Amino acid sequence: MKHFDDQGCVFFTNLDSRKAQQIKGNPRVSLMF
C-alpha cells in the first residue's frame, strides 16, 4: 500500500496481472492486514 486517507487506499499492481484484471471486473475490493 502506498497511501491511505479519508478517500481510501492507493496501491500499485501490474495492469496485466490477474489481480488487476479481477479489480477491473469488480472494483469493490478489500484489504486485510
N, C-alpha and C. Protein backbone atom coordinates (compact mmCIF):
# COMPACT_ATOMS: atom_id res chain seq x y z
N MET A 1 0.86 -1.16 0.00
CA MET A 1 0.00 0.00 0.00
C MET A 1 0.90 1.23 0.00
N LYS A 2 0.59 2.16 -0.85
CA LYS A 2 1.39 3.38 -0.98
C LYS A 2 0.85 4.55 -0.17
N HIS A 3 -0.47 4.60 0.00
CA HIS A 3 -1.08 5.77 0.63
C HIS A 3 -2.45 5.41 1.17
N PHE A 4 -2.84 6.05 2.27
CA PHE A 4 -4.17 5.86 2.84
C PHE A 4 -4.66 7.19 3.38
N ASP A 5 -5.90 7.56 3.05
CA ASP A 5 -6.51 8.76 3.61
C ASP A 5 -8.02 8.56 3.68
N ASP A 6 -8.77 9.63 3.92
CA ASP A 6 -10.22 9.50 4.08
C ASP A 6 -10.94 9.11 2.79
N GLN A 7 -10.26 9.18 1.65
CA GLN A 7 -10.86 8.75 0.39
C GLN A 7 -10.58 7.29 0.07
N GLY A 8 -9.68 6.67 0.82
CA GLY A 8 -9.40 5.26 0.60
C GLY A 8 -7.92 4.94 0.52
N CYS A 9 -7.62 3.79 -0.07
CA CYS A 9 -6.26 3.28 -0.17
C CYS A 9 -5.75 3.40 -1.59
N VAL A 10 -4.45 3.62 -1.70
CA VAL A 10 -3.79 3.64 -3.00
C VAL A 10 -2.72 2.57 -2.99
N PHE A 11 -2.76 1.70 -3.99
CA PHE A 11 -1.72 0.69 -4.13
C PHE A 11 -1.44 0.49 -5.61
N PHE A 12 -0.32 -0.13 -5.91
CA PHE A 12 0.09 -0.33 -7.29
C PHE A 12 0.21 -1.81 -7.59
N THR A 13 -0.15 -2.18 -8.81
CA THR A 13 0.00 -3.54 -9.29
C THR A 13 0.23 -3.49 -10.80
N ASN A 14 0.70 -4.55 -11.35
CA ASN A 14 0.90 -4.66 -12.80
C ASN A 14 -0.47 -4.70 -13.46
N LEU A 15 -0.73 -3.81 -14.42
CA LEU A 15 -2.05 -3.74 -15.06
C LEU A 15 -2.41 -4.99 -15.84
N ASP A 16 -1.42 -5.81 -16.18
CA ASP A 16 -1.68 -7.05 -16.91
C ASP A 16 -1.83 -8.26 -15.99
N SER A 17 -1.70 -8.05 -14.69
CA SER A 17 -1.75 -9.17 -13.75
C SER A 17 -3.18 -9.67 -13.55
N ARG A 18 -3.29 -10.87 -13.04
CA ARG A 18 -4.61 -11.44 -12.74
C ARG A 18 -5.34 -10.58 -11.71
N LYS A 19 -4.60 -10.09 -10.71
CA LYS A 19 -5.21 -9.24 -9.69
C LYS A 19 -5.81 -7.98 -10.31
N ALA A 20 -5.07 -7.33 -11.21
CA ALA A 20 -5.57 -6.12 -11.86
C ALA A 20 -6.81 -6.41 -12.69
N GLN A 21 -6.83 -7.52 -13.37
CA GLN A 21 -8.00 -7.89 -14.19
C GLN A 21 -9.22 -8.16 -13.31
N GLN A 22 -9.00 -8.77 -12.15
CA GLN A 22 -10.10 -9.02 -11.22
C GLN A 22 -10.65 -7.71 -10.67
N ILE A 23 -9.77 -6.78 -10.34
CA ILE A 23 -10.22 -5.47 -9.84
C ILE A 23 -10.96 -4.71 -10.93
N LYS A 24 -10.48 -4.81 -12.16
CA LYS A 24 -11.15 -4.15 -13.28
C LYS A 24 -12.57 -4.70 -13.45
N GLY A 25 -12.75 -6.00 -13.26
CA GLY A 25 -14.06 -6.62 -13.40
C GLY A 25 -14.98 -6.34 -12.23
N ASN A 26 -14.41 -6.11 -11.05
CA ASN A 26 -15.20 -5.82 -9.85
C ASN A 26 -14.38 -4.88 -8.97
N PRO A 27 -14.57 -3.55 -9.10
CA PRO A 27 -13.74 -2.59 -8.38
C PRO A 27 -14.01 -2.51 -6.88
N ARG A 28 -14.94 -3.28 -6.36
CA ARG A 28 -15.20 -3.28 -4.92
C ARG A 28 -14.27 -4.31 -4.27
N VAL A 29 -13.15 -3.83 -3.78
CA VAL A 29 -12.13 -4.71 -3.20
C VAL A 29 -11.95 -4.41 -1.72
N SER A 30 -11.26 -5.28 -1.04
CA SER A 30 -10.96 -5.07 0.38
C SER A 30 -9.50 -5.38 0.62
N LEU A 31 -8.98 -4.84 1.73
CA LEU A 31 -7.61 -5.10 2.16
C LEU A 31 -7.64 -5.78 3.51
N MET A 32 -6.72 -6.69 3.71
CA MET A 32 -6.62 -7.36 5.00
C MET A 32 -5.15 -7.34 5.41
N PHE A 33 -4.89 -6.92 6.64
CA PHE A 33 -3.53 -6.87 7.15
C PHE A 33 -3.35 -7.88 8.25
